Amino acid sequence: MEAAIDEWPRPYDQLDARPYWAALNEDRLTYQRCGWCGQSVWPAKSRCPYCASGELDWTESSGRGTVYSYSTVMRGATPRWASIAPYVVGFVEMDEGYLLFTQFSVAEEELSIGDAVEVDYIQRGAQRLPVFAPATVKREV
């Protein structure tokens, strides 16, 4: 069934990522860690990209990291995303050692590369999503 044009897009239903999306709906940010080599793995995989082990466990993130990069989206890719433009997206280098592409809940002028940030959660249609703000400030998106 195709979503109506004014609905929020839904996440791709990929088997490897289902635990991630389920945890977000409980306001928990998770990632995979390899039980063999100990590396943080993101995005979700069925095998570790570092050692090829299948021993990947889901681990809860601290929700803290630093701004790695960011950009302002002036025109959303779908009509629904266009309705909230402009908005800021980018990569957060998580304290656990992986990069997460995400949305920021503050304007570009309030961010700098290397800023400490922490996660918050917003509802977008049927799915909760992580958004990040400077560690001392959390705002509505």
C-alpha atoms as a PDB file:
ATOM      1  CA  MET A   1       0.000   0.000   0.000  1.00  0.00           C
ATOM      2  CA  GLU A   2       1.461   3.328  -1.045  1.00  0.00           C
ATOM      3  CA  ALA A   3       1.468   6.229   1.421  1.00  0.00           C
ATOM      4  CA  ALA A   4      -0.634   9.272   0.608  1.00  0.00           C
ATOM      5  CA  ILE A   5       1.368  12.188  -0.722  1.00  0.00           C
ATOM      6  CA  ASP A   6       0.899  14.216   2.484  1.00  0.00           C
ATOM      7  CA  GLU A   7       2.056  11.435   4.826  1.00  0.00           C
ATOM      8  CA  TRP A   8       5.547  11.101   6.228  1.00  0.00           C
ATOM      9  CA  PRO A   9       7.644   8.525   4.353  1.00  0.00           C
ATOM     10  CA  ARG A  10       8.132   5.264   6.234  1.00  0.00           C
ATOM     11  CA  PRO A  11      11.506   3.606   6.865  1.00  0.00           C
ATOM     12  CA  TYR A  12      12.619   0.914   4.455  1.00  0.00           C
ATOM     13  CA  ASP A  13      11.585  -2.453   5.871  1.00  0.00           C
ATOM     14  CA  GLN A  14      15.024  -4.073   5.906  1.00  0.00           C
ATOM     15  CA  LEU A  15      15.386  -7.098   8.139  1.00  0.00           C
ATOM     16  CA  ASP A  16      18.793  -6.034   9.510  1.00  0.00           C
ATOM     17  CA  ALA A  17      17.452  -2.631  10.641  1.00  0.00           C
ATOM     18  CA  ARG A  18      14.147  -3.675  12.240  1.00  0.00           C
ATOM     19  CA  PRO A  19      15.541  -3.629  15.817  1.00  0.00           C
ATOM     20  CA  TYR A  20      16.795  -0.052  15.252  1.00  0.00           C
ATOM     21  CA  TRP A  21      13.370   1.243  14.161  1.00  0.00           C
ATOM     22  CA  ALA A  22      11.585  -0.647  16.951  1.00  0.00           C
ATOM     23  CA  ALA A  23      13.919   0.834  19.586  1.00  0.00           C
ATOM     24  CA  LEU A  24      13.343   4.375  18.265  1.00  0.00           C
ATOM     25  CA  ASN A  25       9.625   3.916  18.879  1.00  0.00           C
ATOM     26  CA  GLU A  26      10.593   3.371  22.553  1.00  0.00           C
ATOM     27  CA  ASP A  27      12.839   6.489  22.587  1.00  0.00           C
ATOM     28  CA  ARG A  28      15.997   4.390  22.535  1.00  0.00           C
ATOM     29  CA  LEU A  29      18.855   4.906  20.073  1.00  0.00           C
ATOM     30  CA  THR A  30      20.626   1.647  19.233  1.00  0.00           C
ATOM     31  CA  TYR A  31      23.456   0.423  17.025  1.00  0.00           C
ATOM     32  CA  GLN A  32      25.212  -2.867  16.432  1.00  0.00           C
ATOM     33  CA  ARG A  33      28.448  -3.976  18.097  1.00  0.00           C
ATOM     34  CA  CYS A  34      30.452  -6.948  16.890  1.00  0.00           C
ATOM     35  CA  GLY A  35      30.848  -9.637  19.537  1.00  0.00           C
ATOM     36  CA  TRP A  36      34.005 -10.893  17.835  1.00  0.00           C
ATOM     37  CA  CYS A  37      36.110  -7.777  17.126  1.00  0.00           C
ATOM     38  CA  GLY A  38      34.253  -5.220  19.291  1.00  0.00           C
ATOM     39  CA  GLN A  39      33.740  -2.645  16.506  1.00  0.00           C
ATOM     40  CA  SER A  40      30.652  -0.434  16.386  1.00  0.00           C
ATOM     41  CA  VAL A  41      28.674  -1.195  13.231  1.00  0.00           C
ATOM     42  CA  TRP A  42      26.364   1.265  11.486  1.00  0.00           C
ATOM     43  CA  PRO A  43      24.319   1.142   9.325  1.00  0.00           C
ATOM     44  CA  ALA A  44      22.828  -2.216  10.317  1.00  0.00           C
ATOM     45  CA  LYS A  45      24.400  -5.284   8.709  1.00  0.00           C
ATOM     46  CA  SER A  46      24.009  -9.045   8.881  1.00  0.00           C
ATOM     47  CA  ARG A  47      27.799  -9.471   9.126  1.00  0.00           C
ATOM     48  CA  CYS A  48      30.531  -7.285  10.611  1.00  0.00           C
ATOM     49  CA  PRO A  49      32.206  -5.209   7.861  1.00  0.00           C
ATOM     50  CA  TYR A  50      35.494  -5.295   9.827  1.00  0.00           C
ATOM     51  CA  CYS A  51      35.926  -9.027  10.521  1.00  0.00           C
ATOM     52  CA  ALA A  52      32.981 -10.728   8.717  1.00  0.00           C
ATOM     53  CA  SER A  53      31.632 -12.210  11.968  1.00  0.00           C
ATOM     54  CA  GLY A  54      27.900 -12.766  12.246  1.00  0.00           C
ATOM     55  CA  GLU A  55      28.034 -12.034  15.994  1.00  0.00           C
ATOM     56  CA  LEU A  56      26.351  -8.629  15.901  1.00  0.00           C
ATOM     57  CA  ASP A  57      24.440  -7.529  18.987  1.00  0.00           C
ATOM     58  CA  TRP A  58      22.174  -4.512  19.372  1.00  0.00           C
ATOM     59  CA  THR A  59      23.467  -2.078  21.988  1.00  0.00           C
ATOM     60  CA  GLU A  60      21.882   1.067  23.377  1.00  0.00           C
ATOM     61  CA  SER A  61      23.736   4.265  22.542  1.00  0.00           C
ATOM     62  CA  SER A  62      24.477   6.998  25.066  1.00  0.00           C
ATOM     63  CA  GLY A  63      22.792   9.367  22.609  1.00  0.00           C
ATOM     64  CA  ARG A  64      25.781  11.718  22.755  1.00  0.00           C
ATOM     65  CA  GLY A  65      28.275  12.687  20.101  1.00  0.00           C
ATOM     66  CA  THR A  66      29.836  15.564  18.192  1.00  0.00           C
ATOM     67  CA  VAL A  67      28.791  17.354  15.008  1.00  0.00           C
ATOM     68  CA  TYR A  68      30.821  15.915  12.121  1.00  0.00           C
ATOM     69  CA  SER A  69      29.091  17.847   9.301  1.00  0.00           C
ATOM     70  CA  TYR A  70      25.787  19.558   8.550  1.00  0.00           C
ATOM     71  CA  SER A  71      23.817  21.309   5.836  1.00  0.00           C
ATOM     72  CA  THR A  72      20.504  23.120   5.546  1.00  0.00           C
ATOM     73  CA  VAL A  73      17.862  21.565   3.300  1.00  0.00           C
ATOM     74  CA  MET A  74      16.009  24.437   1.658  1.00  0.00           C
ATOM     75  CA  ARG A  75      13.552  22.320  -0.334  1.00  0.00           C
ATOM     76  CA  GLY A  76      12.430  18.922   0.956  1.00  0.00           C
ATOM     77  CA  ALA A  77      12.559  15.895  -1.336  1.00  0.00           C
ATOM     78  CA  THR A  78       8.885  15.043  -0.804  1.00  0.00           C
ATOM     79  CA  PRO A  79       5.883  17.330  -0.309  1.00  0.00           C
ATOM     80  CA  ARG A  80       5.747  16.381   3.383  1.00  0.00           C
ATOM     81  CA  TRP A  81       9.435  17.164   4.000  1.00  0.00           C
ATOM     82  CA  ALA A  82       9.069  20.350   1.968  1.00  0.00           C
ATOM     83  CA  SER A  83       6.387  21.445   4.441  1.00  0.00           C
ATOM     84  CA  ILE A  84       8.994  21.814   7.227  1.00  0.00           C
ATOM     85  CA  ALA A  85      11.861  23.230   5.120  1.00  0.00           C
ATOM     86  CA  PRO A  86      14.279  24.694   5.802  1.00  0.00           C
ATOM     87  CA  TYR A  87      15.715  22.087   8.169  1.00  0.00           C
ATOM     88  CA  VAL A  88      19.224  21.010   9.096  1.00  0.00           C
ATOM     89  CA  VAL A  89      20.643  17.512   8.532  1.00  0.00           C
ATOM     90  CA  GLY A  90      24.114  16.081   8.901  1.00  0.00           C
ATOM     91  CA  PHE A  91      26.347  13.516  10.510  1.00  0.00           C
ATOM     92  CA  VAL A  92      26.966  13.056  14.225  1.00  0.00           C
ATOM     93  CA  GLU A  93      30.066  11.160  15.301  1.00  0.00           C
ATOM     94  CA  MET A  94      28.582   9.146  18.132  1.00  0.00           C
ATOM     95  CA  ASP A  95      30.589   8.587  21.328  1.00  0.00           C
ATOM     96  CA  GLU A  96      30.468   4.860  20.530  1.00  0.00           C
ATOM     97  CA  GLY A  97      32.507   5.374  17.354  1.00  0.00           C
ATOM     98  CA  TYR A  98      30.101   5.407  14.416  1.00  0.00           C
ATOM     99  CA  LEU A  99      28.645   8.137  12.201  1.00  0.00           C
ATOM    100  CA  LEU A 100      24.867   8.654  12.210  1.00  0.00           C
ATOM    101  CA  PHE A 101      23.076  10.697   9.547  1.00  0.00           C
ATOM    102  CA  THR A 102      20.318  12.647  11.288  1.00  0.00           C
ATOM    103  CA  GLN A 103      18.304  15.822  11.572  1.00  0.00           C
ATOM    104  CA  PHE A 104      19.203  18.660  13.931  1.00  0.00           C
ATOM    105  CA  SER A 105      16.537  20.486  15.898  1.00  0.00           C
ATOM    106  CA  VAL A 106      18.299  23.853  15.747  1.00  0.00           C
ATOM    107  CA  ALA A 107      19.164  26.294  12.969  1.00  0.00           C
ATOM    108  CA  GLU A 108      22.471  26.031  11.125  1.00  0.00           C
ATOM    109  CA  GLU A 109      23.689  29.206  12.851  1.00  0.00           C
ATOM    110  CA  GLU A 110      23.487  27.394  16.191  1.00  0.00           C
ATOM    111  CA  LEU A 111      25.824  24.553  15.115  1.00  0.00           C
ATOM    112  CA  SER A 112      29.553  24.227  14.612  1.00  0.00           C
ATOM    113  CA  ILE A 113      31.679  21.262  13.610  1.00  0.00           C
ATOM    114  CA  GLY A 114      32.866  19.569  16.810  1.00  0.00           C
ATOM    115  CA  ASP A 115      29.960  20.757  18.996  1.00  0.00           C
ATOM    116  CA  ALA A 116      28.777  18.290  21.622  1.00  0.00           C
ATOM    117  CA  VAL A 117      25.220  17.183  20.842  1.00  0.00           C
ATOM    118  CA  GLU A 118      22.663  14.810  22.320  1.00  0.00           C
ATOM    119  CA  VAL A 119      19.668  12.952  21.004  1.00  0.00           C
ATOM    120  CA  ASP A 120      16.007  13.742  21.357  1.00  0.00           C
ATOM    121  CA  TYR A 121      13.084  12.094  19.569  1.00  0.00           C
ATOM    122  CA  ILE A 122      10.282  13.372  17.351  1.00  0.00           C
ATOM    123  CA  GLN A 123       7.269  11.677  15.839  1.00  0.00           C
ATOM    124  CA  ARG A 124       7.091  11.690  12.045  1.00  0.00           C
ATOM    125  CA  GLY A 125       3.950   9.854  11.016  1.00  0.00           C
ATOM    126  CA  ALA A 126       4.010   6.307  12.386  1.00  0.00           C
ATOM    127  CA  GLN A 127       7.756   6.410  13.213  1.00  0.00           C
ATOM    128  CA  ARG A 128       9.817   8.130  15.923  1.00  0.00           C
ATOM    129  CA  LEU A 129      13.107   9.559  14.673  1.00  0.00           C
ATOM    130  CA  PRO A 130      16.260  10.764  16.397  1.00  0.00           C
ATOM    131  CA  VAL A 131      17.101  14.469  16.205  1.00  0.00           C
ATOM    132  CA  PHE A 132      20.088  16.171  17.763  1.00  0.00           C
ATOM    133  CA  ALA A 133      20.698  19.505  19.468  1.00  0.00           C
ATOM    134  CA  PRO A 134      23.656  21.067  21.265  1.00  0.00           C
ATOM    135  CA  ALA A 135      24.092  19.235  24.547  1.00  0.00           C
ATOM    136  CA  THR A 136      22.875  22.235  26.548  1.00  0.00           C
ATOM    137  CA  VAL A 137      19.811  22.995  24.386  1.00  0.00           C
ATOM    138  CA  LYS A 138      16.855  20.887  23.202  1.00  0.00           C
ATOM    139  CA  ARG A 139      14.132  22.388  21.053  1.00  0.00           C
ATOM    140  CA  GLU A 140      11.005  21.345  19.196  1.00  0.00           C
ATOM    141  CA  VAL A 141      11.417  20.562  15.503  1.00  0.00           C
END
